[in-house]
Amino acid sequence: EIVTVLTTQLRDGELLYLIAVAPANELG
């Protein structure tokens, strides 16, 4: 599977993350 991780920092310094998961053969 492919795991895509995105991050940004919030104003208070905490880290907001988004993790997207899909089987490698279905990523498209």
PDB file of all heavy atoms in Angstrom:
ATOM      1  N   GLU A   1       0.843  -1.186   0.000  1.00  0.00           N
ATOM      2  CA  GLU A   1       0.000   0.000   0.000  1.00  0.00           C
ATOM      3  C   GLU A   1       0.880   1.238   0.000  1.00  0.00           C
ATOM      4  O   GLU A   1       2.060   1.170   0.338  1.00  0.00           O
ATOM      5  CB  GLU A   1      -0.961   0.012   1.191  1.00  0.00           C
ATOM      6  CG  GLU A   1      -0.290   0.090   2.535  1.00  0.00           C
ATOM      7  CD  GLU A   1      -1.261  -0.033   3.711  1.00  0.00           C
ATOM      8  OE1 GLU A   1      -2.469  -0.252   3.514  1.00  0.00           O
ATOM      9  OE2 GLU A   1      -0.792   0.094   4.846  1.00  0.00           O
ATOM     10  N   ILE A   2       0.272   2.347  -0.394  1.00  0.00           N
ATOM     11  CA  ILE A   2       0.943   3.635  -0.394  1.00  0.00           C
ATOM     12  C   ILE A   2       0.327   4.460   0.726  1.00  0.00           C
ATOM     13  O   ILE A   2      -0.895   4.561   0.833  1.00  0.00           O
ATOM     14  CB  ILE A   2       0.774   4.386  -1.735  1.00  0.00           C
ATOM     15  CG1 ILE A   2       1.205   3.510  -2.913  1.00  0.00           C
ATOM     16  CG2 ILE A   2       1.548   5.710  -1.708  1.00  0.00           C
ATOM     17  CD1 ILE A   2       2.645   3.058  -2.889  1.00  0.00           C
ATOM     18  N   VAL A   3       1.183   5.039   1.542  1.00  0.00           N
ATOM     19  CA  VAL A   3       0.755   5.895   2.641  1.00  0.00           C
ATOM     20  C   VAL A   3       1.312   7.285   2.354  1.00  0.00           C
ATOM     21  O   VAL A   3       2.528   7.462   2.246  1.00  0.00           O
ATOM     22  CB  VAL A   3       1.296   5.373   3.991  1.00  0.00           C
ATOM     23  CG1 VAL A   3       0.889   6.291   5.126  1.00  0.00           C
ATOM     24  CG2 VAL A   3       0.820   3.944   4.243  1.00  0.00           C
ATOM     25  N   THR A   4       0.426   8.266   2.182  1.00  0.00           N
ATOM     26  CA  THR A   4       0.846   9.644   1.954  1.00  0.00           C
ATOM     27  C   THR A   4       0.617  10.418   3.243  1.00  0.00           C
ATOM     28  O   THR A   4      -0.476  10.372   3.807  1.00  0.00           O
ATOM     29  CB  THR A   4       0.049  10.286   0.804  1.00  0.00           C
ATOM     30  OG1 THR A   4       0.241   9.495  -0.378  1.00  0.00           O
ATOM     31  CG2 THR A   4       0.511  11.712   0.542  1.00  0.00           C
ATOM     32  N   VAL A   5       1.668  11.095   3.712  1.00  0.00           N
ATOM     33  CA  VAL A   5       1.584  11.865   4.949  1.00  0.00           C
ATOM     34  C   VAL A   5       1.772  13.339   4.604  1.00  0.00           C
ATOM     35  O   VAL A   5       2.743  13.695   3.921  1.00  0.00           O
ATOM     36  CB  VAL A   5       2.669  11.420   5.960  1.00  0.00           C
ATOM     37  CG1 VAL A   5       2.597  12.262   7.229  1.00  0.00           C
ATOM     38  CG2 VAL A   5       2.526   9.938   6.276  1.00  0.00           C
ATOM     39  N   LEU A   6       0.848  14.184   5.049  1.00  0.00           N
ATOM     40  CA  LEU A   6       0.959  15.636   4.897  1.00  0.00           C
ATOM     41  C   LEU A   6       0.934  16.253   6.277  1.00  0.00           C
ATOM     42  O   LEU A   6       0.183  15.804   7.148  1.00  0.00           O
ATOM     43  CB  LEU A   6      -0.190  16.197   4.076  1.00  0.00           C
ATOM     44  CG  LEU A   6      -0.195  15.765   2.622  1.00  0.00           C
ATOM     45  CD1 LEU A   6      -1.293  14.765   2.402  1.00  0.00           C
ATOM     46  CD2 LEU A   6      -0.378  16.960   1.741  1.00  0.00           C
ATOM     47  N   THR A   7       1.738  17.300   6.475  1.00  0.00           N
ATOM     48  CA  THR A   7       1.793  17.974   7.773  1.00  0.00           C
ATOM     49  C   THR A   7       1.840  19.485   7.596  1.00  0.00           C
ATOM     50  O   THR A   7       2.354  19.984   6.598  1.00  0.00           O
ATOM     51  CB  THR A   7       3.054  17.561   8.564  1.00  0.00           C
ATOM     52  OG1 THR A   7       4.213  17.901   7.792  1.00  0.00           O
ATOM     53  CG2 THR A   7       3.062  16.077   8.887  1.00  0.00           C
ATOM     54  N   THR A   8       1.289  20.186   8.575  1.00  0.00           N
ATOM     55  CA  THR A   8       1.448  21.632   8.683  1.00  0.00           C
ATOM     56  C   THR A   8       1.366  21.980  10.159  1.00  0.00           C
ATOM     57  O   THR A   8       0.859  21.194  10.951  1.00  0.00           O
ATOM     58  CB  THR A   8       0.388  22.405   7.863  1.00  0.00           C
ATOM     59  OG1 THR A   8       0.768  23.779   7.790  1.00  0.00           O
ATOM     60  CG2 THR A   8      -1.002  22.294   8.460  1.00  0.00           C
ATOM     61  N   GLN A   9       1.890  23.134  10.520  1.00  0.00           N
ATOM     62  CA  GLN A   9       1.823  23.527  11.916  1.00  0.00           C
ATOM     63  C   GLN A   9       0.668  24.471  12.152  1.00  0.00           C
ATOM     64  O   GLN A   9       0.360  25.335  11.328  1.00  0.00           O
ATOM     65  CB  GLN A   9       3.138  24.157  12.387  1.00  0.00           C
ATOM     66  CG  GLN A   9       4.159  23.070  12.695  1.00  0.00           C
ATOM     67  CD  GLN A   9       5.394  23.570  13.389  1.00  0.00           C
ATOM     68  OE1 GLN A   9       6.089  24.405  12.856  1.00  0.00           O
ATOM     69  NE2 GLN A   9       5.666  23.017  14.557  1.00  0.00           N
ATOM     70  N   LEU A  10       0.011  24.272  13.296  1.00  0.00           N
ATOM     71  CA  LEU A  10      -1.073  25.143  13.712  1.00  0.00           C
ATOM     72  C   LEU A  10      -0.480  26.356  14.428  1.00  0.00           C
ATOM     73  O   LEU A  10       0.702  26.364  14.781  1.00  0.00           O
ATOM     74  CB  LEU A  10      -2.026  24.384  14.636  1.00  0.00           C
ATOM     75  CG  LEU A  10      -2.674  23.153  13.991  1.00  0.00           C
ATOM     76  CD1 LEU A  10      -3.487  22.380  15.015  1.00  0.00           C
ATOM     77  CD2 LEU A  10      -3.533  23.555  12.801  1.00  0.00           C
ATOM     78  N   ARG A  11      -1.298  27.360  14.659  1.00  0.00           N
ATOM     79  CA  ARG A  11      -0.796  28.591  15.282  1.00  0.00           C
ATOM     80  C   ARG A  11      -0.194  28.347  16.667  1.00  0.00           C
ATOM     81  O   ARG A  11       0.725  29.029  17.073  1.00  0.00           O
ATOM     82  CB  ARG A  11      -1.917  29.620  15.356  1.00  0.00           C
ATOM     83  CG  ARG A  11      -2.230  30.194  13.989  1.00  0.00           C
ATOM     84  CD  ARG A  11      -3.229  31.345  14.052  1.00  0.00           C
ATOM     85  NE  ARG A  11      -3.450  31.858  12.713  1.00  0.00           N
ATOM     86  CZ  ARG A  11      -4.380  31.420  11.884  1.00  0.00           C
ATOM     87  NH1 ARG A  11      -5.187  30.444  12.262  1.00  0.00           N
ATOM     88  NH2 ARG A  11      -4.513  31.934  10.684  1.00  0.00           N
ATOM     89  N   ASP A  12      -0.721  27.340  17.390  1.00  0.00           N
ATOM     90  CA  ASP A  12      -0.187  27.058  18.722  1.00  0.00           C
ATOM     91  C   ASP A  12       1.060  26.174  18.684  1.00  0.00           C
ATOM     92  O   ASP A  12       1.590  25.778  19.717  1.00  0.00           O
ATOM     93  CB  ASP A  12      -1.253  26.419  19.619  1.00  0.00           C
ATOM     94  CG  ASP A  12      -1.706  25.048  19.127  1.00  0.00           C
ATOM     95  OD1 ASP A  12      -1.138  24.523  18.144  1.00  0.00           O
ATOM     96  OD2 ASP A  12      -2.632  24.486  19.735  1.00  0.00           O
ATOM     97  N   GLY A  13       1.537  25.847  17.475  1.00  0.00           N
ATOM     98  CA  GLY A  13       2.745  25.057  17.321  1.00  0.00           C
ATOM     99  C   GLY A  13       2.499  23.570  17.168  1.00  0.00           C
ATOM    100  O   GLY A  13       3.417  22.829  16.818  1.00  0.00           O
ATOM    101  N   GLU A  14       1.262  23.101  17.440  1.00  0.00           N
ATOM    102  CA  GLU A  14       0.987  21.681  17.261  1.00  0.00           C
ATOM    103  C   GLU A  14       1.034  21.326  15.780  1.00  0.00           C
ATOM    104  O   GLU A  14       0.861  22.179  14.913  1.00  0.00           O
ATOM    105  CB  GLU A  14      -0.373  21.314  17.860  1.00  0.00           C
ATOM    106  CG  GLU A  14      -0.375  21.329  19.382  1.00  0.00           C
ATOM    107  CD  GLU A  14      -1.656  20.782  19.962  1.00  0.00           C
ATOM    108  OE1 GLU A  14      -2.751  21.120  19.454  1.00  0.00           O
ATOM    109  OE2 GLU A  14      -1.567  20.015  20.934  1.00  0.00           O
ATOM    110  N   LEU A  15       1.256  20.044  15.507  1.00  0.00           N
ATOM    111  CA  LEU A  15       1.372  19.557  14.139  1.00  0.00           C
ATOM    112  C   LEU A  15       0.051  18.941  13.699  1.00  0.00           C
ATOM    113  O   LEU A  15      -0.446  18.014  14.342  1.00  0.00           O
ATOM    114  CB  LEU A  15       2.486  18.503  14.070  1.00  0.00           C
ATOM    115  CG  LEU A  15       2.923  18.091  12.668  1.00  0.00           C
ATOM    116  CD1 LEU A  15       3.731  19.220  12.028  1.00  0.00           C
ATOM    117  CD2 LEU A  15       3.753  16.816  12.728  1.00  0.00           C
ATOM    118  N   LEU A  16      -0.533  19.475  12.636  1.00  0.00           N
ATOM    119  CA  LEU A  16      -1.711  18.857  12.031  1.00  0.00           C
ATOM    120  C   LEU A  16      -1.201  17.896  10.966  1.00  0.00           C
ATOM    121  O   LEU A  16      -0.342  18.255  10.166  1.00  0.00           O
ATOM    122  CB  LEU A  16      -2.622  19.896  11.385  1.00  0.00           C
ATOM    123  CG  LEU A  16      -3.833  19.238  10.721  1.00  0.00           C
ATOM    124  CD1 LEU A  16      -5.105  19.601  11.470  1.00  0.00           C
ATOM    125  CD2 LEU A  16      -3.935  19.586   9.263  1.00  0.00           C
ATOM    126  N   TYR A  17      -1.712  16.662  10.985  1.00  0.00           N
ATOM    127  CA  TYR A  17      -1.292  15.687   9.985  1.00  0.00           C
ATOM    128  C   TYR A  17      -2.497  15.084   9.286  1.00  0.00           C
ATOM    129  O   TYR A  17      -3.595  15.016   9.835  1.00  0.00           O
ATOM    130  CB  TYR A  17      -0.430  14.584  10.610  1.00  0.00           C
ATOM    131  CG  TYR A  17      -1.112  13.796  11.702  1.00  0.00           C
ATOM    132  CD1 TYR A  17      -1.920  12.703  11.410  1.00  0.00           C
ATOM    133  CD2 TYR A  17      -0.948  14.141  13.036  1.00  0.00           C
ATOM    134  CE1 TYR A  17      -2.555  11.983  12.411  1.00  0.00           C
ATOM    135  CE2 TYR A  17      -1.575  13.434  14.046  1.00  0.00           C
ATOM    136  CZ  TYR A  17      -2.371  12.350  13.727  1.00  0.00           C
ATOM    137  OH  TYR A  17      -3.001  11.649  14.723  1.00  0.00           O
ATOM    138  N   LEU A  18      -2.270  14.683   8.064  1.00  0.00           N
ATOM    139  CA  LEU A  18      -3.249  13.971   7.267  1.00  0.00           C
ATOM    140  C   LEU A  18      -2.517  12.762   6.701  1.00  0.00           C
ATOM    141  O   LEU A  18      -1.450  12.922   6.102  1.00  0.00           O
ATOM    142  CB  LEU A  18      -3.776  14.867   6.154  1.00  0.00           C
ATOM    143  CG  LEU A  18      -4.868  14.271   5.275  1.00  0.00           C
ATOM    144  CD1 LEU A  18      -5.877  15.349   4.912  1.00  0.00           C
ATOM    145  CD2 LEU A  18      -4.303  13.634   4.041  1.00  0.00           C
ATOM    146  N   ILE A  19      -3.051  11.575   6.942  1.00  0.00           N
ATOM    147  CA  ILE A  19      -2.446  10.345   6.438  1.00  0.00           C
ATOM    148  C   ILE A  19      -3.468   9.681   5.520  1.00  0.00           C
ATOM    149  O   ILE A  19      -4.567   9.346   5.956  1.00  0.00           O
ATOM    150  CB  ILE A  19      -2.076   9.389   7.593  1.00  0.00           C
ATOM    151  CG1 ILE A  19      -1.122  10.068   8.571  1.00  0.00           C
ATOM    152  CG2 ILE A  19      -1.479   8.091   7.040  1.00  0.00           C
ATOM    153  CD1 ILE A  19      -0.875   9.277   9.847  1.00  0.00           C
ATOM    154  N   ALA A  20      -3.116   9.514   4.258  1.00  0.00           N
ATOM    155  CA  ALA A  20      -3.997   8.864   3.286  1.00  0.00           C
ATOM    156  C   ALA A  20      -3.412   7.497   2.947  1.00  0.00           C
ATOM    157  O   ALA A  20      -2.215   7.377   2.667  1.00  0.00           O
ATOM    158  CB  ALA A  20      -4.104   9.717   2.021  1.00  0.00           C
ATOM    159  N   VAL A  21      -4.266   6.463   2.979  1.00  0.00           N
ATOM    160  CA  VAL A  21      -3.832   5.086   2.760  1.00  0.00           C
ATOM    161  C   VAL A  21      -4.648   4.464   1.638  1.00  0.00           C
ATOM    162  O   VAL A  21      -5.882   4.577   1.626  1.00  0.00           O
ATOM    163  CB  VAL A  21      -4.032   4.249   4.049  1.00  0.00           C
ATOM    164  CG1 VAL A  21      -3.640   2.795   3.821  1.00  0.00           C
ATOM    165  CG2 VAL A  21      -3.281   4.845   5.213  1.00  0.00           C
ATOM    166  N   ALA A  22      -3.965   3.803   0.708  1.00  0.00           N
ATOM    167  CA  ALA A  22      -4.653   3.065  -0.359  1.00  0.00           C
ATOM    168  C   ALA A  22      -3.734   1.936  -0.835  1.00  0.00           C
ATOM    169  O   ALA A  22      -2.509   2.075  -0.802  1.00  0.00           O
ATOM    170  CB  ALA A  22      -4.989   3.980  -1.531  1.00  0.00           C
ATOM    171  N   PRO A  23      -4.335   0.823  -1.286  1.00  0.00           N
ATOM    172  CA  PRO A  23      -3.512  -0.239  -1.875  1.00  0.00           C
ATOM    173  C   PRO A  23      -2.718   0.322  -3.057  1.00  0.00           C
ATOM    174  O   PRO A  23      -3.234   1.158  -3.808  1.00  0.00           O
ATOM    175  CB  PRO A  23      -4.538  -1.275  -2.354  1.00  0.00           C
ATOM    176  CG  PRO A  23      -5.750  -1.021  -1.507  1.00  0.00           C
ATOM    177  CD  PRO A  23      -5.757   0.471  -1.268  1.00  0.00           C
ATOM    178  N   ALA A  24      -1.481  -0.135  -3.218  1.00  0.00           N
ATOM    179  CA  ALA A  24      -0.611   0.385  -4.279  1.00  0.00           C
ATOM    180  C   ALA A  24      -1.266   0.242  -5.650  1.00  0.00           C
ATOM    181  O   ALA A  24      -1.195   1.156  -6.477  1.00  0.00           O
ATOM    182  CB  ALA A  24       0.742  -0.326  -4.249  1.00  0.00           C
ATOM    183  N   ASN A  25      -1.952  -0.884  -5.889  1.00  0.00           N
ATOM    184  CA  ASN A  25      -2.543  -1.100  -7.216  1.00  0.00           C
ATOM    185  C   ASN A  25      -3.840  -0.323  -7.427  1.00  0.00           C
ATOM    186  O   ASN A  25      -4.412  -0.348  -8.501  1.00  0.00           O
ATOM    187  CB  ASN A  25      -2.768  -2.596  -7.477  1.00  0.00           C
ATOM    188  CG  ASN A  25      -3.777  -3.206  -6.527  1.00  0.00           C
ATOM    189  OD1 ASN A  25      -4.097  -2.635  -5.477  1.00  0.00           O
ATOM    190  ND2 ASN A  25      -4.266  -4.370  -6.878  1.00  0.00           N
ATOM    191  N   GLU A  26      -4.333   0.378  -6.388  1.00  0.00           N
ATOM    192  CA  GLU A  26      -5.545   1.185  -6.523  1.00  0.00           C
ATOM    193  C   GLU A  26      -5.282   2.668  -6.304  1.00  0.00           C
ATOM    194  O   GLU A  26      -6.220   3.466  -6.278  1.00  0.00           O
ATOM    195  CB  GLU A  26      -6.609   0.717  -5.521  1.00  0.00           C
ATOM    196  CG  GLU A  26      -7.103  -0.689  -5.770  1.00  0.00           C
ATOM    197  CD  GLU A  26      -8.122  -1.127  -4.745  1.00  0.00           C
ATOM    198  OE1 GLU A  26      -8.912  -0.278  -4.281  1.00  0.00           O
ATOM    199  OE2 GLU A  26      -8.133  -2.327  -4.400  1.00  0.00           O
ATOM    200  N   LEU A  27      -4.009   3.038  -6.137  1.00  0.00           N
ATOM    201  CA  LEU A  27      -3.689   4.424  -5.829  1.00  0.00           C
ATOM    202  C   LEU A  27      -4.237   5.387  -6.879  1.00  0.00           C
ATOM    203  O   LEU A  27      -4.774   6.435  -6.535  1.00  0.00           O
ATOM    204  CB  LEU A  27      -2.177   4.622  -5.662  1.00  0.00           C
ATOM    205  CG  LEU A  27      -1.752   6.030  -5.257  1.00  0.00           C
ATOM    206  CD1 LEU A  27      -2.316   6.382  -3.887  1.00  0.00           C
ATOM    207  CD2 LEU A  27      -0.243   6.151  -5.264  1.00  0.00           C
ATOM    208  N   GLY A  28      -4.129   5.028  -8.141  1.00  0.00           N
ATOM    209  CA  GLY A  28      -4.616   5.899  -9.214  1.00  0.00           C
ATOM    210  C   GLY A  28      -6.072   6.281  -9.044  1.00  0.00           C
ATOM    211  O   GLY A  28      -6.448   7.439  -9.227  1.00  0.00           O
TER     212      GLY A  28
END
